[in-house]
Amino acid sequence: MEHLYAPWRFEYVTEEKIKGCVFCHISKNLEDEKMQVIFSDELCYVVMNKYPYSPGHIMVVPHFHTDKIEELEAQVWQQMSLRVQQGVKLLKEVMPCEGVNIGMNLGEIAGAGIAQHVHYHLVPRWKGDTNFISTISHIRVYPVDFDEIFSRLKEYAPKYFL
């Protein structure tokens, strides 16, 4: 039998789980490096996805807790949209990636992993970034260190999030 090792997943199965909304927890602990917040302002923040689809997968999250985008004030929605635009530029230039998937899954039935708090996904993409192992075996292989990606994105964030 062949084995694939994913040591970064050990933390997921052994760490203490956050009680309540994980995004509200992060919002209250923005300075905690463990949260991997790249940027924050008074209305929203940009954070690394802890269990990404692709290396460099980030999210834009409002501080306001809601599962309905229609409950967001126009100013919050506009600020999130600006941060998405700036995040795409950051990913394209710093990663560097060839494309970016942008998405928001509203509700568990729509695929939201954290359905109680709206958030945007920004997923960097490269030509050929999926292969048979992802398609057939439903396994992802990441060729990079996530902490290194976080450090790089955080270092360059002030240039992009103005």
C-alpha atoms as a PDB file:
ATOM      1  CA  MET A   1       0.000   0.000   0.000  1.00  0.00           C
ATOM      2  CA  GLU A   2       1.272   3.478  -0.886  1.00  0.00           C
ATOM      3  CA  HIS A   3       1.050   6.346   1.592  1.00  0.00           C
ATOM      4  CA  LEU A   4       0.622  10.062   1.119  1.00  0.00           C
ATOM      5  CA  TYR A   5       1.696  12.218   4.031  1.00  0.00           C
ATOM      6  CA  ALA A   6       0.072  15.557   4.852  1.00  0.00           C
ATOM      7  CA  PRO A   7       1.708  16.662   8.115  1.00  0.00           C
ATOM      8  CA  TRP A   8      -0.080  20.038   8.110  1.00  0.00           C
ATOM      9  CA  ARG A   9      -3.387  18.193   8.635  1.00  0.00           C
ATOM     10  CA  PHE A  10      -2.189  16.845  12.009  1.00  0.00           C
ATOM     11  CA  GLU A  11      -2.891  20.243  13.538  1.00  0.00           C
ATOM     12  CA  TYR A  12      -6.492  20.058  12.277  1.00  0.00           C
ATOM     13  CA  VAL A  13      -7.231  16.780  14.040  1.00  0.00           C
ATOM     14  CA  THR A  14      -5.353  17.585  17.261  1.00  0.00           C
ATOM     15  CA  GLU A  15      -5.917  21.294  17.925  1.00  0.00           C
ATOM     16  CA  GLU A  16      -8.639  22.612  20.176  1.00  0.00           C
ATOM     17  CA  LYS A  17     -11.636  23.655  18.106  1.00  0.00           C
ATOM     18  CA  ILE A  18     -12.905  27.235  18.230  1.00  0.00           C
ATOM     19  CA  LYS A  19     -16.342  27.451  19.792  1.00  0.00           C
ATOM     20  CA  GLY A  20     -18.876  29.596  17.966  1.00  0.00           C
ATOM     21  CA  CYS A  21     -18.186  31.453  14.738  1.00  0.00           C
ATOM     22  CA  VAL A  22     -14.580  31.058  13.622  1.00  0.00           C
ATOM     23  CA  PHE A  23     -14.703  34.304  11.626  1.00  0.00           C
ATOM     24  CA  CYS A  24     -15.945  36.301  14.634  1.00  0.00           C
ATOM     25  CA  HIS A  25     -13.164  34.693  16.693  1.00  0.00           C
ATOM     26  CA  ILE A  26     -10.580  35.794  14.124  1.00  0.00           C
ATOM     27  CA  SER A  27     -12.117  39.288  14.006  1.00  0.00           C
ATOM     28  CA  LYS A  28     -11.549  39.596  17.784  1.00  0.00           C
ATOM     29  CA  ASN A  29      -7.975  38.238  17.540  1.00  0.00           C
ATOM     30  CA  LEU A  30      -6.572  40.025  14.476  1.00  0.00           C
ATOM     31  CA  GLU A  31      -3.091  40.450  15.965  1.00  0.00           C
ATOM     32  CA  ASP A  32      -2.680  36.741  16.771  1.00  0.00           C
ATOM     33  CA  GLU A  33      -0.229  35.442  14.127  1.00  0.00           C
ATOM     34  CA  LYS A  34      -1.833  32.005  14.409  1.00  0.00           C
ATOM     35  CA  MET A  35      -4.978  33.454  12.805  1.00  0.00           C
ATOM     36  CA  GLN A  36      -2.938  34.398   9.696  1.00  0.00           C
ATOM     37  CA  VAL A  37      -4.665  37.712   9.047  1.00  0.00           C
ATOM     38  CA  ILE A  38      -2.985  39.464   6.127  1.00  0.00           C
ATOM     39  CA  PHE A  39      -4.813  42.790   6.417  1.00  0.00           C
ATOM     40  CA  SER A  40      -7.701  44.354   8.325  1.00  0.00           C
ATOM     41  CA  ASP A  41      -9.587  47.612   8.448  1.00  0.00           C
ATOM     42  CA  GLU A  42     -12.654  48.803  10.373  1.00  0.00           C
ATOM     43  CA  LEU A  43     -15.145  46.909   8.152  1.00  0.00           C
ATOM     44  CA  CYS A  44     -13.467  43.675   7.030  1.00  0.00           C
ATOM     45  CA  TYR A  45     -10.292  41.629   7.005  1.00  0.00           C
ATOM     46  CA  VAL A  46      -8.266  39.413   4.662  1.00  0.00           C
ATOM     47  CA  VAL A  47      -7.159  36.047   6.008  1.00  0.00           C
ATOM     48  CA  MET A  48      -5.467  32.892   4.758  1.00  0.00           C
ATOM     49  CA  ASN A  49      -7.748  29.906   4.314  1.00  0.00           C
ATOM     50  CA  LYS A  50      -6.475  27.378   6.848  1.00  0.00           C
ATOM     51  CA  TYR A  51      -7.500  24.409   4.670  1.00  0.00           C
ATOM     52  CA  PRO A  52      -7.106  25.803   1.147  1.00  0.00           C
ATOM     53  CA  TYR A  53      -8.146  24.553  -2.265  1.00  0.00           C
ATOM     54  CA  SER A  54      -4.885  25.947  -3.619  1.00  0.00           C
ATOM     55  CA  PRO A  55      -1.744  27.485  -2.058  1.00  0.00           C
ATOM     56  CA  GLY A  56      -2.371  31.166  -1.365  1.00  0.00           C
ATOM     57  CA  HIS A  57      -6.158  30.752  -1.018  1.00  0.00           C
ATOM     58  CA  ILE A  58      -7.327  33.823   0.913  1.00  0.00           C
ATOM     59  CA  MET A  59     -10.708  35.101   2.105  1.00  0.00           C
ATOM     60  CA  VAL A  60     -12.265  38.532   2.595  1.00  0.00           C
ATOM     61  CA  VAL A  61     -14.532  38.560   5.651  1.00  0.00           C
ATOM     62  CA  PRO A  62     -16.705  41.316   7.133  1.00  0.00           C
ATOM     63  CA  HIS A  63     -16.405  41.958  10.868  1.00  0.00           C
ATOM     64  CA  PHE A  64     -20.223  42.070  10.974  1.00  0.00           C
ATOM     65  CA  HIS A  65     -21.654  38.619  11.656  1.00  0.00           C
ATOM     66  CA  THR A  66     -24.341  37.562   9.195  1.00  0.00           C
ATOM     67  CA  ASP A  67     -25.134  34.739   6.810  1.00  0.00           C
ATOM     68  CA  LYS A  68     -27.040  37.065   4.463  1.00  0.00           C
ATOM     69  CA  ILE A  69     -25.296  39.473   2.115  1.00  0.00           C
ATOM     70  CA  GLU A  70     -28.509  41.464   1.935  1.00  0.00           C
ATOM     71  CA  GLU A  71     -27.968  42.378   5.629  1.00  0.00           C
ATOM     72  CA  LEU A  72     -24.593  43.989   4.941  1.00  0.00           C
ATOM     73  CA  GLU A  73     -24.558  47.768   4.835  1.00  0.00           C
ATOM     74  CA  ALA A  74     -23.637  49.164   1.413  1.00  0.00           C
ATOM     75  CA  GLN A  75     -20.383  50.554   2.811  1.00  0.00           C
ATOM     76  CA  VAL A  76     -19.322  47.111   4.081  1.00  0.00           C
ATOM     77  CA  TRP A  77     -20.189  45.453   0.757  1.00  0.00           C
ATOM     78  CA  GLN A  78     -18.252  48.114  -1.174  1.00  0.00           C
ATOM     79  CA  GLN A  79     -15.233  47.781   1.125  1.00  0.00           C
ATOM     80  CA  MET A  80     -15.258  43.987   0.737  1.00  0.00           C
ATOM     81  CA  SER A  81     -15.400  44.388  -3.047  1.00  0.00           C
ATOM     82  CA  LEU A  82     -12.428  46.754  -2.943  1.00  0.00           C
ATOM     83  CA  ARG A  83     -10.469  44.275  -0.786  1.00  0.00           C
ATOM     84  CA  VAL A  84     -11.299  41.470  -3.251  1.00  0.00           C
ATOM     85  CA  GLN A  85      -9.959  43.592  -6.111  1.00  0.00           C
ATOM     86  CA  GLN A  86      -6.796  44.426  -4.155  1.00  0.00           C
ATOM     87  CA  GLY A  87      -6.415  40.786  -3.075  1.00  0.00           C
ATOM     88  CA  VAL A  88      -6.512  39.600  -6.685  1.00  0.00           C
ATOM     89  CA  LYS A  89      -3.723  42.028  -7.561  1.00  0.00           C
ATOM     90  CA  LEU A  90      -1.702  40.836  -4.545  1.00  0.00           C
ATOM     91  CA  LEU A  91      -2.085  37.179  -5.547  1.00  0.00           C
ATOM     92  CA  LYS A  92      -1.283  37.769  -9.232  1.00  0.00           C
ATOM     93  CA  GLU A  93       1.860  39.744  -8.480  1.00  0.00           C
ATOM     94  CA  VAL A  94       3.220  38.101  -5.321  1.00  0.00           C
ATOM     95  CA  MET A  95       2.370  34.414  -5.741  1.00  0.00           C
ATOM     96  CA  PRO A  96       2.510  34.884  -8.855  1.00  0.00           C
ATOM     97  CA  CYS A  97      -0.558  33.122 -10.226  1.00  0.00           C
ATOM     98  CA  GLU A  98      -2.000  33.085 -13.728  1.00  0.00           C
ATOM     99  CA  GLY A  99      -5.634  33.410 -12.682  1.00  0.00           C
ATOM    100  CA  VAL A 100      -7.889  33.689  -9.644  1.00  0.00           C
ATOM    101  CA  ASN A 101     -11.249  32.109  -8.860  1.00  0.00           C
ATOM    102  CA  ILE A 102     -13.467  34.448  -6.828  1.00  0.00           C
ATOM    103  CA  GLY A 103     -16.511  33.051  -5.089  1.00  0.00           C
ATOM    104  CA  MET A 104     -18.977  33.229  -2.260  1.00  0.00           C
ATOM    105  CA  ASN A 105     -21.096  30.256  -1.183  1.00  0.00           C
ATOM    106  CA  LEU A 106     -24.237  31.463   0.567  1.00  0.00           C
ATOM    107  CA  GLY A 107     -25.640  28.748   2.810  1.00  0.00           C
ATOM    108  CA  GLU A 108     -24.613  25.189   3.547  1.00  0.00           C
ATOM    109  CA  ILE A 109     -26.667  23.875   0.626  1.00  0.00           C
ATOM    110  CA  ALA A 110     -24.618  26.134  -1.694  1.00  0.00           C
ATOM    111  CA  GLY A 111     -21.359  24.623  -0.424  1.00  0.00           C
ATOM    112  CA  ALA A 112     -20.409  27.014   2.376  1.00  0.00           C
ATOM    113  CA  GLY A 113     -18.088  25.312   4.856  1.00  0.00           C
ATOM    114  CA  ILE A 114     -18.756  28.111   7.353  1.00  0.00           C
ATOM    115  CA  ALA A 115     -22.328  29.015   6.452  1.00  0.00           C
ATOM    116  CA  GLN A 116     -23.111  31.320   9.389  1.00  0.00           C
ATOM    117  CA  HIS A 117     -20.774  34.156   8.314  1.00  0.00           C
ATOM    118  CA  VAL A 118     -20.527  35.428   4.719  1.00  0.00           C
ATOM    119  CA  HIS A 119     -17.077  35.601   3.135  1.00  0.00           C
ATOM    120  CA  TYR A 120     -15.391  35.773  -0.263  1.00  0.00           C
ATOM    121  CA  HIS A 121     -12.896  33.171  -1.458  1.00  0.00           C
ATOM    122  CA  LEU A 122      -9.949  34.187  -3.660  1.00  0.00           C
ATOM    123  CA  VAL A 123      -8.282  31.050  -5.025  1.00  0.00           C
ATOM    124  CA  PRO A 124      -5.064  31.464  -7.030  1.00  0.00           C
ATOM    125  CA  ARG A 125      -4.791  29.236 -10.102  1.00  0.00           C
ATOM    126  CA  TRP A 126      -1.984  28.118 -12.408  1.00  0.00           C
ATOM    127  CA  LYS A 127      -2.065  26.297 -15.710  1.00  0.00           C
ATOM    128  CA  GLY A 128      -1.944  22.581 -14.941  1.00  0.00           C
ATOM    129  CA  ASP A 129      -2.565  23.027 -11.197  1.00  0.00           C
ATOM    130  CA  THR A 130      -4.873  20.011 -11.129  1.00  0.00           C
ATOM    131  CA  ASN A 131      -3.899  16.564 -12.277  1.00  0.00           C
ATOM    132  CA  PHE A 132      -4.963  12.961 -12.035  1.00  0.00           C
ATOM    133  CA  ILE A 133      -4.399  12.727  -8.294  1.00  0.00           C
ATOM    134  CA  SER A 134      -6.934  15.510  -7.649  1.00  0.00           C
ATOM    135  CA  THR A 135      -9.357  14.351 -10.320  1.00  0.00           C
ATOM    136  CA  ILE A 136      -9.358  10.615  -9.675  1.00  0.00           C
ATOM    137  CA  SER A 137      -8.226  10.217  -6.085  1.00  0.00           C
ATOM    138  CA  HIS A 138      -9.701  13.438  -4.653  1.00  0.00           C
ATOM    139  CA  ILE A 139      -6.329  14.215  -3.051  1.00  0.00           C
ATOM    140  CA  ARG A 140      -4.490  17.513  -3.242  1.00  0.00           C
ATOM    141  CA  VAL A 141      -0.724  17.841  -3.279  1.00  0.00           C
ATOM    142  CA  TYR A 142       0.724  21.221  -2.329  1.00  0.00           C
ATOM    143  CA  PRO A 143       4.325  21.906  -3.373  1.00  0.00           C
ATOM    144  CA  VAL A 144       4.856  24.851  -0.984  1.00  0.00           C
ATOM    145  CA  ASP A 145       5.004  25.735   2.699  1.00  0.00           C
ATOM    146  CA  PHE A 146       1.841  27.583   3.819  1.00  0.00           C
ATOM    147  CA  ASP A 147       3.597  29.593   6.535  1.00  0.00           C
ATOM    148  CA  GLU A 148       6.050  30.891   3.942  1.00  0.00           C
ATOM    149  CA  ILE A 149       3.162  31.965   1.689  1.00  0.00           C
ATOM    150  CA  PHE A 150       1.465  33.758   4.606  1.00  0.00           C
ATOM    151  CA  SER A 151       4.683  35.598   5.487  1.00  0.00           C
ATOM    152  CA  ARG A 152       5.169  36.705   1.897  1.00  0.00           C
ATOM    153  CA  LEU A 153       1.589  37.879   1.414  1.00  0.00           C
ATOM    154  CA  LYS A 154       1.586  39.720   4.759  1.00  0.00           C
ATOM    155  CA  GLU A 155       4.900  41.393   3.924  1.00  0.00           C
ATOM    156  CA  TYR A 156       3.572  42.761   0.624  1.00  0.00           C
ATOM    157  CA  ALA A 157      -0.007  43.490   1.816  1.00  0.00           C
ATOM    158  CA  PRO A 158       0.605  47.173   2.727  1.00  0.00           C
ATOM    159  CA  LYS A 159       1.513  47.858  -0.901  1.00  0.00           C
ATOM    160  CA  TYR A 160      -1.841  46.490  -2.138  1.00  0.00           C
ATOM    161  CA  PHE A 161      -4.375  47.197   0.606  1.00  0.00           C
ATOM    162  CA  LEU A 162      -4.433  50.979   0.706  1.00  0.00           C
END
